[in-house]
């Protein structure tokens, strides 16, 4: 897990120094690097996805005691596009 984090940092540093365009594909590549050994294939009502490949989740995501819920998974692709546009503009 720590090695994956280190690799993701190194990839981000390399990509940022080459001024690569920030796209959903780049963010998924960073996520795949980060989740390489801790991610897995999940089959849910929305379909199957592999977090170790950087796939966006196809189910609700919660965390912590009481299960704090995050954004609806159906909104994630559009919001990632929006985030990339904002980051690219800056």
Protein backbone atom coordinates (compact mmCIF):
# COMPACT_ATOMS: atom_id res chain seq x y z
CA UNK A 1 0.00 0.00 0.00
CA UNK A 2 2.75 2.48 0.92
CA UNK A 3 4.69 1.52 -2.20
CA UNK A 4 1.59 2.21 -4.30
CA UNK A 5 1.25 5.65 -2.69
CA UNK A 6 4.89 6.39 -3.44
CA UNK A 7 4.45 5.30 -7.08
CA UNK A 8 1.33 7.48 -7.42
CA UNK A 9 3.21 10.50 -6.06
CA UNK A 10 6.07 9.86 -8.48
CA UNK A 11 3.68 9.51 -11.41
CA UNK A 12 1.90 12.74 -10.46
CA UNK A 13 5.23 14.55 -10.16
CA UNK A 14 6.43 13.25 -13.55
CA UNK A 15 3.17 14.11 -15.30
CA UNK A 16 2.99 17.59 -13.75
CA UNK A 17 6.55 18.42 -14.82
CA UNK A 18 5.71 17.56 -18.43
CA UNK A 19 2.61 19.79 -18.33
CA UNK A 20 0.35 16.95 -19.48
CA UNK A 21 -3.34 17.82 -19.87
CA UNK A 22 -5.44 16.91 -16.84
CA UNK A 23 -8.10 14.47 -18.03
CA UNK A 24 -10.33 11.82 -16.46
CA UNK A 25 -8.01 9.22 -18.00
CA UNK A 26 -5.01 10.73 -16.19
CA UNK A 27 -6.89 10.77 -12.88
CA UNK A 28 -7.93 7.15 -13.41
CA UNK A 29 -4.32 6.23 -14.16
CA UNK A 30 -3.21 7.91 -10.93
CA UNK A 31 -5.97 6.09 -9.05
CA UNK A 32 -4.99 2.75 -10.62
CA UNK A 33 -1.42 3.31 -9.47
CA UNK A 34 -2.61 4.17 -5.97
CA UNK A 35 -5.02 1.21 -5.74
CA UNK A 36 -2.80 -1.34 -7.50
CA UNK A 37 -2.50 -3.76 -4.57
CA UNK A 38 -5.49 -2.76 -2.45
CA UNK A 39 -8.16 -2.41 -5.13
CA UNK A 40 -10.30 -5.24 -6.44
CA UNK A 41 -13.14 -6.19 -8.75
CA UNK A 42 -16.57 -5.50 -7.27
CA UNK A 43 -19.87 -6.65 -8.66
CA UNK A 44 -22.77 -4.44 -7.64
CA UNK A 45 -26.24 -3.60 -8.94
CA UNK A 46 -24.75 -0.92 -11.21
CA UNK A 47 -22.38 -3.45 -12.80
CA UNK A 48 -18.81 -4.56 -12.17
CA UNK A 49 -15.81 -2.30 -11.71
CA UNK A 50 -12.16 -2.82 -10.79
CA UNK A 51 -10.76 -0.21 -8.43
CA UNK A 52 -7.23 -1.56 -9.03
CA UNK A 53 -7.65 -0.37 -12.66
CA UNK A 54 -8.79 3.09 -11.55
CA UNK A 55 -12.41 2.48 -12.55
CA UNK A 56 -14.99 4.85 -11.15
CA UNK A 57 -17.24 3.19 -8.54
CA UNK A 58 -20.63 1.93 -9.66
CA UNK A 59 -22.08 2.02 -6.18
CA UNK A 60 -22.50 4.38 -3.26
CA UNK A 61 -19.39 5.11 -1.22
CA UNK A 62 -19.42 5.60 2.55
CA UNK A 63 -16.69 6.00 5.15
CA UNK A 64 -16.21 6.22 8.88
CA UNK A 65 -18.42 5.51 11.85
CA UNK A 66 -22.01 6.14 10.90
CA UNK A 67 -21.18 5.75 7.21
CA UNK A 68 -20.79 9.31 5.90
CA UNK A 69 -22.13 9.10 2.33
CA UNK A 70 -20.33 10.71 -0.57
CA UNK A 71 -21.59 11.89 -3.97
CA UNK A 72 -23.97 9.63 -5.86
CA UNK A 73 -21.87 7.39 -8.11
CA UNK A 74 -23.96 8.34 -11.15
CA UNK A 75 -22.71 11.93 -10.84
CA UNK A 76 -19.01 11.04 -10.61
CA UNK A 77 -18.07 11.02 -14.35
CA UNK A 78 -19.62 14.44 -14.99
CA UNK A 79 -18.08 15.91 -11.83
CA UNK A 80 -14.66 14.50 -12.77
CA UNK A 81 -14.97 16.16 -16.18
CA UNK A 82 -15.90 19.41 -14.42
CA UNK A 83 -12.93 19.10 -12.05
CA UNK A 84 -10.54 18.45 -14.92
CA UNK A 85 -11.80 21.54 -16.77
CA UNK A 86 -11.26 23.68 -13.66
CA UNK A 87 -7.77 22.27 -13.03
CA UNK A 88 -6.79 22.63 -16.68
CA UNK A 89 -7.93 26.26 -16.71
CA UNK A 90 -5.68 27.03 -13.75
